[in-house]
Amino acid sequence: MQRIVIGITGASGIQYALDLLETIQTADLETHLVISEGAKRVLAEELSMNARDLAQFVTQVHDDRDVGAGIASGSFRTLGMVIIPCSASTLAKVAHGMADTLITRAAHVHLKERRPLVLVPRETPYSRPMLEAMLKAHDAGARILAANPGFYGNPQSVKDLLGFISARVLDQLGIDNQRSSRWKE
């Protein structure tokens, strides 16, 4: 079975992560989820949910403090990892190789193993340090996919806008999906 790793950090935009989790339920994937402490707070604020509520969508949930989990090793093969939403703090840590949590350690592993790592920053506007961190993470091999949905598919709901980002994330991981309409298809 093919695997992916999903990290959720404490930026606003947890709805993007929830849509991605709901979308991948239909895929034949082993999914590993890590939720930062900051994300747990945002999850409660934005969706009135807790981390246990997300467990239903994935194969396994890991504690962000457990830097010795399987996903922290290069021998744990995956199709890739996504951090959605990716807070400015997490982005900076990934860009500078700081691996002090399971999310940042797994991200580091994906970079060193040259596996896809998709970072979905949601915070805006971007400060200069954040832009520099995006460039540094990009140069290290990460893919920066800002949470900026397109409108060419004539979205009819917020769910459609969320789906646009989920589809692009899955595309970056090489996972076939029909979550969102595509240009001229």
C-alpha atoms as a PDB file:
ATOM      1  CA  MET A   1       0.000   0.000   0.000  1.00  0.00           C
ATOM      2  CA  GLN A   2       1.203   3.501  -0.812  1.00  0.00           C
ATOM      3  CA  ARG A   3       1.542   6.047   1.999  1.00  0.00           C
ATOM      4  CA  ILE A   4       1.363   9.774   2.497  1.00  0.00           C
ATOM      5  CA  VAL A   5       2.095  11.946   5.508  1.00  0.00           C
ATOM      6  CA  ILE A   6      -0.064  14.933   6.380  1.00  0.00           C
ATOM      7  CA  GLY A   7       0.989  17.592   8.860  1.00  0.00           C
ATOM      8  CA  ILE A   8      -1.439  20.197  10.120  1.00  0.00           C
ATOM      9  CA  THR A   9       0.061  23.261  11.788  1.00  0.00           C
ATOM     10  CA  GLY A  10      -1.359  26.264  13.594  1.00  0.00           C
ATOM     11  CA  ALA A  11      -2.199  28.640  10.786  1.00  0.00           C
ATOM     12  CA  SER A  12      -5.764  29.613  10.059  1.00  0.00           C
ATOM     13  CA  GLY A  13      -7.215  27.504   7.272  1.00  0.00           C
ATOM     14  CA  ILE A  14      -7.769  24.147   8.956  1.00  0.00           C
ATOM     15  CA  GLN A  15     -10.691  23.761   6.524  1.00  0.00           C
ATOM     16  CA  TYR A  16      -8.143  23.096   3.780  1.00  0.00           C
ATOM     17  CA  ALA A  17      -6.745  20.183   5.772  1.00  0.00           C
ATOM     18  CA  LEU A  18     -10.201  18.798   6.522  1.00  0.00           C
ATOM     19  CA  ASP A  19     -11.148  18.895   2.844  1.00  0.00           C
ATOM     20  CA  LEU A  20      -7.935  17.102   1.912  1.00  0.00           C
ATOM     21  CA  LEU A  21      -8.547  14.443   4.574  1.00  0.00           C
ATOM     22  CA  GLU A  22     -12.118  13.905   3.360  1.00  0.00           C
ATOM     23  CA  THR A  23     -10.937  13.723  -0.263  1.00  0.00           C
ATOM     24  CA  ILE A  24      -8.234  11.107   0.333  1.00  0.00           C
ATOM     25  CA  GLN A  25     -10.626   8.800   2.179  1.00  0.00           C
ATOM     26  CA  THR A  26     -11.644   7.340  -1.166  1.00  0.00           C
ATOM     27  CA  ALA A  27      -8.041   6.760  -2.284  1.00  0.00           C
ATOM     28  CA  ASP A  28      -6.312   3.471  -1.581  1.00  0.00           C
ATOM     29  CA  LEU A  29      -3.668   5.062   0.626  1.00  0.00           C
ATOM     30  CA  GLU A  30      -2.155   4.534   4.027  1.00  0.00           C
ATOM     31  CA  THR A  31      -2.347   7.972   5.607  1.00  0.00           C
ATOM     32  CA  HIS A  32      -0.311   9.267   8.543  1.00  0.00           C
ATOM     33  CA  LEU A  33      -1.447  12.440  10.288  1.00  0.00           C
ATOM     34  CA  VAL A  34       0.437  14.715  12.678  1.00  0.00           C
ATOM     35  CA  ILE A  35      -1.273  17.706  14.282  1.00  0.00           C
ATOM     36  CA  SER A  36       0.777  20.415  15.987  1.00  0.00           C
ATOM     37  CA  GLU A  37      -0.263  21.889  19.330  1.00  0.00           C
ATOM     38  CA  GLY A  38      -1.054  25.177  17.585  1.00  0.00           C
ATOM     39  CA  ALA A  39      -3.234  23.369  15.040  1.00  0.00           C
ATOM     40  CA  LYS A  40      -5.204  21.732  17.837  1.00  0.00           C
ATOM     41  CA  ARG A  41      -6.113  25.179  19.120  1.00  0.00           C
ATOM     42  CA  VAL A  42      -7.051  26.453  15.653  1.00  0.00           C
ATOM     43  CA  LEU A  43      -9.074  23.282  15.027  1.00  0.00           C
ATOM     44  CA  ALA A  44     -11.149  24.024  18.128  1.00  0.00           C
ATOM     45  CA  GLU A  45     -11.518  27.721  17.217  1.00  0.00           C
ATOM     46  CA  GLU A  46     -12.368  27.335  13.525  1.00  0.00           C
ATOM     47  CA  LEU A  47     -14.279  24.055  13.411  1.00  0.00           C
ATOM     48  CA  SER A  48     -15.230  23.297  17.050  1.00  0.00           C
ATOM     49  CA  MET A  49     -13.393  19.978  16.623  1.00  0.00           C
ATOM     50  CA  ASN A  50     -10.525  18.229  18.347  1.00  0.00           C
ATOM     51  CA  ALA A  51      -7.714  16.034  17.063  1.00  0.00           C
ATOM     52  CA  ARG A  52      -9.671  12.849  17.810  1.00  0.00           C
ATOM     53  CA  ASP A  53     -12.331  13.976  15.337  1.00  0.00           C
ATOM     54  CA  LEU A  54      -9.764  13.797  12.510  1.00  0.00           C
ATOM     55  CA  ALA A  55      -8.626  10.263  13.331  1.00  0.00           C
ATOM     56  CA  GLN A  56     -11.586   8.827  11.394  1.00  0.00           C
ATOM     57  CA  PHE A  57     -10.080  10.113   8.137  1.00  0.00           C
ATOM     58  CA  VAL A  58      -6.620   8.536   8.405  1.00  0.00           C
ATOM     59  CA  THR A  59      -4.828   5.262   9.004  1.00  0.00           C
ATOM     60  CA  GLN A  60      -2.739   6.526  11.906  1.00  0.00           C
ATOM     61  CA  VAL A  61      -2.367   9.662  13.999  1.00  0.00           C
ATOM     62  CA  HIS A  62       1.072  10.460  15.449  1.00  0.00           C
ATOM     63  CA  ASP A  63       1.989  12.710  18.361  1.00  0.00           C
ATOM     64  CA  ASP A  64       3.978  15.730  17.158  1.00  0.00           C
ATOM     65  CA  ARG A  65       6.358  15.268  20.105  1.00  0.00           C
ATOM     66  CA  ASP A  66       7.283  11.725  18.989  1.00  0.00           C
ATOM     67  CA  VAL A  67      10.327  12.448  16.816  1.00  0.00           C
ATOM     68  CA  GLY A  68      11.100   8.724  16.893  1.00  0.00           C
ATOM     69  CA  ALA A  69       7.924   7.691  15.031  1.00  0.00           C
ATOM     70  CA  GLY A  70       8.307   5.673  11.842  1.00  0.00           C
ATOM     71  CA  ILE A  71       7.572   8.663   9.618  1.00  0.00           C
ATOM     72  CA  ALA A  72      10.694  10.353  11.027  1.00  0.00           C
ATOM     73  CA  SER A  73      12.919   7.868   9.182  1.00  0.00           C
ATOM     74  CA  GLY A  74      14.071   7.844   5.588  1.00  0.00           C
ATOM     75  CA  SER A  75      13.421   4.095   5.505  1.00  0.00           C
ATOM     76  CA  PHE A  76       9.689   4.819   5.908  1.00  0.00           C
ATOM     77  CA  ARG A  77       8.803   5.131   2.226  1.00  0.00           C
ATOM     78  CA  THR A  78       5.998   7.464   1.135  1.00  0.00           C
ATOM     79  CA  LEU A  79       4.587   9.111  -1.965  1.00  0.00           C
ATOM     80  CA  GLY A  80       5.213  12.392  -0.174  1.00  0.00           C
ATOM     81  CA  MET A  81       4.167  14.738   2.575  1.00  0.00           C
ATOM     82  CA  VAL A  82       1.959  17.800   2.769  1.00  0.00           C
ATOM     83  CA  ILE A  83       1.806  20.399   5.530  1.00  0.00           C
ATOM     84  CA  ILE A  84      -1.611  22.020   5.261  1.00  0.00           C
ATOM     85  CA  PRO A  85      -1.958  24.700   6.443  1.00  0.00           C
ATOM     86  CA  CYS A  86       1.698  25.453   6.960  1.00  0.00           C
ATOM     87  CA  SER A  87       2.252  28.146   9.571  1.00  0.00           C
ATOM     88  CA  ALA A  88       4.965  30.757   9.090  1.00  0.00           C
ATOM     89  CA  SER A  89       6.847  29.218  12.011  1.00  0.00           C
ATOM     90  CA  THR A  90       6.774  25.730  10.493  1.00  0.00           C
ATOM     91  CA  LEU A  91       7.765  27.121   7.109  1.00  0.00           C
ATOM     92  CA  ALA A  92      10.801  28.825   8.689  1.00  0.00           C
ATOM     93  CA  LYS A  93      11.798  25.648  10.523  1.00  0.00           C
ATOM     94  CA  VAL A  94      11.534  23.543   7.351  1.00  0.00           C
ATOM     95  CA  ALA A  95      13.467  26.139   5.341  1.00  0.00           C
ATOM     96  CA  HIS A  96      16.305  26.157   7.868  1.00  0.00           C
ATOM     97  CA  GLY A  97      16.432  22.413   8.574  1.00  0.00           C
ATOM     98  CA  MET A  98      15.152  22.662  12.146  1.00  0.00           C
ATOM     99  CA  ALA A  99      13.629  19.293  13.043  1.00  0.00           C
ATOM    100  CA  ASP A 100      12.420  19.768  16.603  1.00  0.00           C
ATOM    101  CA  THR A 101       8.936  18.243  16.161  1.00  0.00           C
ATOM    102  CA  LEU A 102       7.660  15.203  14.295  1.00  0.00           C
ATOM    103  CA  ILE A 103       6.163  17.427  11.595  1.00  0.00           C
ATOM    104  CA  THR A 104       9.439  19.252  10.945  1.00  0.00           C
ATOM    105  CA  ARG A 105      11.488  16.039  11.278  1.00  0.00           C
ATOM    106  CA  ALA A 106       9.276  14.223   8.736  1.00  0.00           C
ATOM    107  CA  ALA A 107       9.515  17.245   6.431  1.00  0.00           C
ATOM    108  CA  HIS A 108      13.312  17.176   6.736  1.00  0.00           C
ATOM    109  CA  VAL A 109      13.300  13.461   5.892  1.00  0.00           C
ATOM    110  CA  HIS A 110      11.219  14.093   2.774  1.00  0.00           C
ATOM    111  CA  LEU A 111      13.661  16.763   1.633  1.00  0.00           C
ATOM    112  CA  LYS A 112      16.762  14.666   2.279  1.00  0.00           C
ATOM    113  CA  GLU A 113      15.222  11.635   0.548  1.00  0.00           C
ATOM    114  CA  ARG A 114      14.104  13.853  -2.352  1.00  0.00           C
ATOM    115  CA  ARG A 115      10.465  12.905  -1.902  1.00  0.00           C
ATOM    116  CA  PRO A 116       7.684  15.407  -2.592  1.00  0.00           C
ATOM    117  CA  LEU A 117       7.075  17.848   0.234  1.00  0.00           C
ATOM    118  CA  VAL A 118       4.170  20.238  -0.337  1.00  0.00           C
ATOM    119  CA  LEU A 119       3.883  23.273   1.929  1.00  0.00           C
ATOM    120  CA  VAL A 120       0.549  25.113   1.894  1.00  0.00           C
ATOM    121  CA  PRO A 121       0.999  28.510   3.551  1.00  0.00           C
ATOM    122  CA  ARG A 122      -2.253  30.308   4.253  1.00  0.00           C
ATOM    123  CA  GLU A 123      -1.139  33.361   6.169  1.00  0.00           C
ATOM    124  CA  THR A 124      -1.150  36.596   4.238  1.00  0.00           C
ATOM    125  CA  PRO A 125       0.278  39.095   3.500  1.00  0.00           C
ATOM    126  CA  TYR A 126       3.708  37.557   3.303  1.00  0.00           C
ATOM    127  CA  SER A 127       6.501  39.233   5.240  1.00  0.00           C
ATOM    128  CA  ARG A 128       9.988  39.385   3.785  1.00  0.00           C
ATOM    129  CA  PRO A 129      11.223  36.645   6.164  1.00  0.00           C
ATOM    130  CA  MET A 130       8.310  34.445   5.092  1.00  0.00           C
ATOM    131  CA  LEU A 131       9.044  35.032   1.405  1.00  0.00           C
ATOM    132  CA  GLU A 132      12.711  34.245   1.996  1.00  0.00           C
ATOM    133  CA  ALA A 133      11.744  31.076   3.871  1.00  0.00           C
ATOM    134  CA  MET A 134       9.504  30.025   0.956  1.00  0.00           C
ATOM    135  CA  LEU A 135      12.372  30.512  -1.464  1.00  0.00           C
ATOM    136  CA  LYS A 136      14.800  28.651   0.799  1.00  0.00           C
ATOM    137  CA  ALA A 137      12.339  25.754   1.246  1.00  0.00           C
ATOM    138  CA  HIS A 138      11.750  25.706  -2.518  1.00  0.00           C
ATOM    139  CA  ASP A 139      15.477  25.611  -3.193  1.00  0.00           C
ATOM    140  CA  ALA A 140      15.773  22.684  -0.761  1.00  0.00           C
ATOM    141  CA  GLY A 141      13.188  20.756  -2.776  1.00  0.00           C
ATOM    142  CA  ALA A 142       9.825  21.670  -1.251  1.00  0.00           C
ATOM    143  CA  ARG A 143       6.877  22.703  -3.357  1.00  0.00           C
ATOM    144  CA  ILE A 144       5.148  25.871  -2.201  1.00  0.00           C
ATOM    145  CA  LEU A 145       1.437  25.730  -2.936  1.00  0.00           C
ATOM    146  CA  ALA A 146      -0.200  28.805  -1.466  1.00  0.00           C
ATOM    147  CA  ALA A 147      -3.840  28.444  -0.437  1.00  0.00           C
ATOM    148  CA  ASN A 148      -5.057  30.579  -3.343  1.00  0.00           C
ATOM    149  CA  PRO A 149      -7.941  28.818  -5.079  1.00  0.00           C
ATOM    150  CA  GLY A 150      -8.681  29.449  -8.738  1.00  0.00           C
ATOM    151  CA  PHE A 151     -12.033  30.638 -10.015  1.00  0.00           C
ATOM    152  CA  TYR A 152     -11.999  29.363 -13.618  1.00  0.00           C
ATOM    153  CA  GLY A 153     -14.055  26.316 -12.594  1.00  0.00           C
ATOM    154  CA  ASN A 154     -16.915  28.605 -11.548  1.00  0.00           C
ATOM    155  CA  PRO A 155     -16.981  27.532  -7.899  1.00  0.00           C
ATOM    156  CA  GLN A 156     -20.419  27.527  -6.337  1.00  0.00           C
ATOM    157  CA  SER A 157     -19.429  27.085  -2.707  1.00  0.00           C
ATOM    158  CA  VAL A 158     -16.627  27.371  -0.190  1.00  0.00           C
ATOM    159  CA  LYS A 159     -16.313  23.574  -0.480  1.00  0.00           C
ATOM    160  CA  ASP A 160     -15.502  24.013  -4.190  1.00  0.00           C
ATOM    161  CA  LEU A 161     -12.772  26.529  -3.336  1.00  0.00           C
ATOM    162  CA  LEU A 162     -11.288  24.163  -0.747  1.00  0.00           C
ATOM    163  CA  GLY A 163     -11.439  21.340  -3.277  1.00  0.00           C
ATOM    164  CA  PHE A 164      -9.366  23.318  -5.748  1.00  0.00           C
ATOM    165  CA  ILE A 165      -6.472  23.313  -3.271  1.00  0.00           C
ATOM    166  CA  SER A 166      -6.964  19.641  -2.332  1.00  0.00           C
ATOM    167  CA  ALA A 167      -6.823  18.680  -6.010  1.00  0.00           C
ATOM    168  CA  ARG A 168      -3.601  20.636  -6.560  1.00  0.00           C
ATOM    169  CA  VAL A 169      -1.999  19.105  -3.467  1.00  0.00           C
ATOM    170  CA  LEU A 170      -2.848  15.600  -4.658  1.00  0.00           C
ATOM    171  CA  ASP A 171      -1.522  16.458  -8.124  1.00  0.00           C
ATOM    172  CA  GLN A 172       1.807  17.445  -6.564  1.00  0.00           C
ATOM    173  CA  LEU A 173       1.962  14.043  -4.842  1.00  0.00           C
ATOM    174  CA  GLY A 174       1.125  12.212  -8.085  1.00  0.00           C
ATOM    175  CA  ILE A 175      -2.251  11.020  -6.772  1.00  0.00           C
ATOM    176  CA  ASP A 176      -4.948  10.906  -9.434  1.00  0.00           C
ATOM    177  CA  ASN A 177      -8.089  12.750  -8.403  1.00  0.00           C
ATOM    178  CA  GLN A 178     -11.193  14.440  -9.726  1.00  0.00           C
ATOM    179  CA  ARG A 179     -11.731  16.730  -6.718  1.00  0.00           C
ATOM    180  CA  SER A 180     -11.867  19.907  -8.786  1.00  0.00           C
ATOM    181  CA  SER A 181     -12.506  20.915 -12.364  1.00  0.00           C
ATOM    182  CA  ARG A 182      -9.454  21.453 -14.526  1.00  0.00           C
ATOM    183  CA  TRP A 183      -8.745  24.160 -17.050  1.00  0.00           C
ATOM    184  CA  LYS A 184     -10.487  23.334 -20.355  1.00  0.00           C
ATOM    185  CA  GLU A 185     -11.251  19.716 -19.423  1.00  0.00           C
END
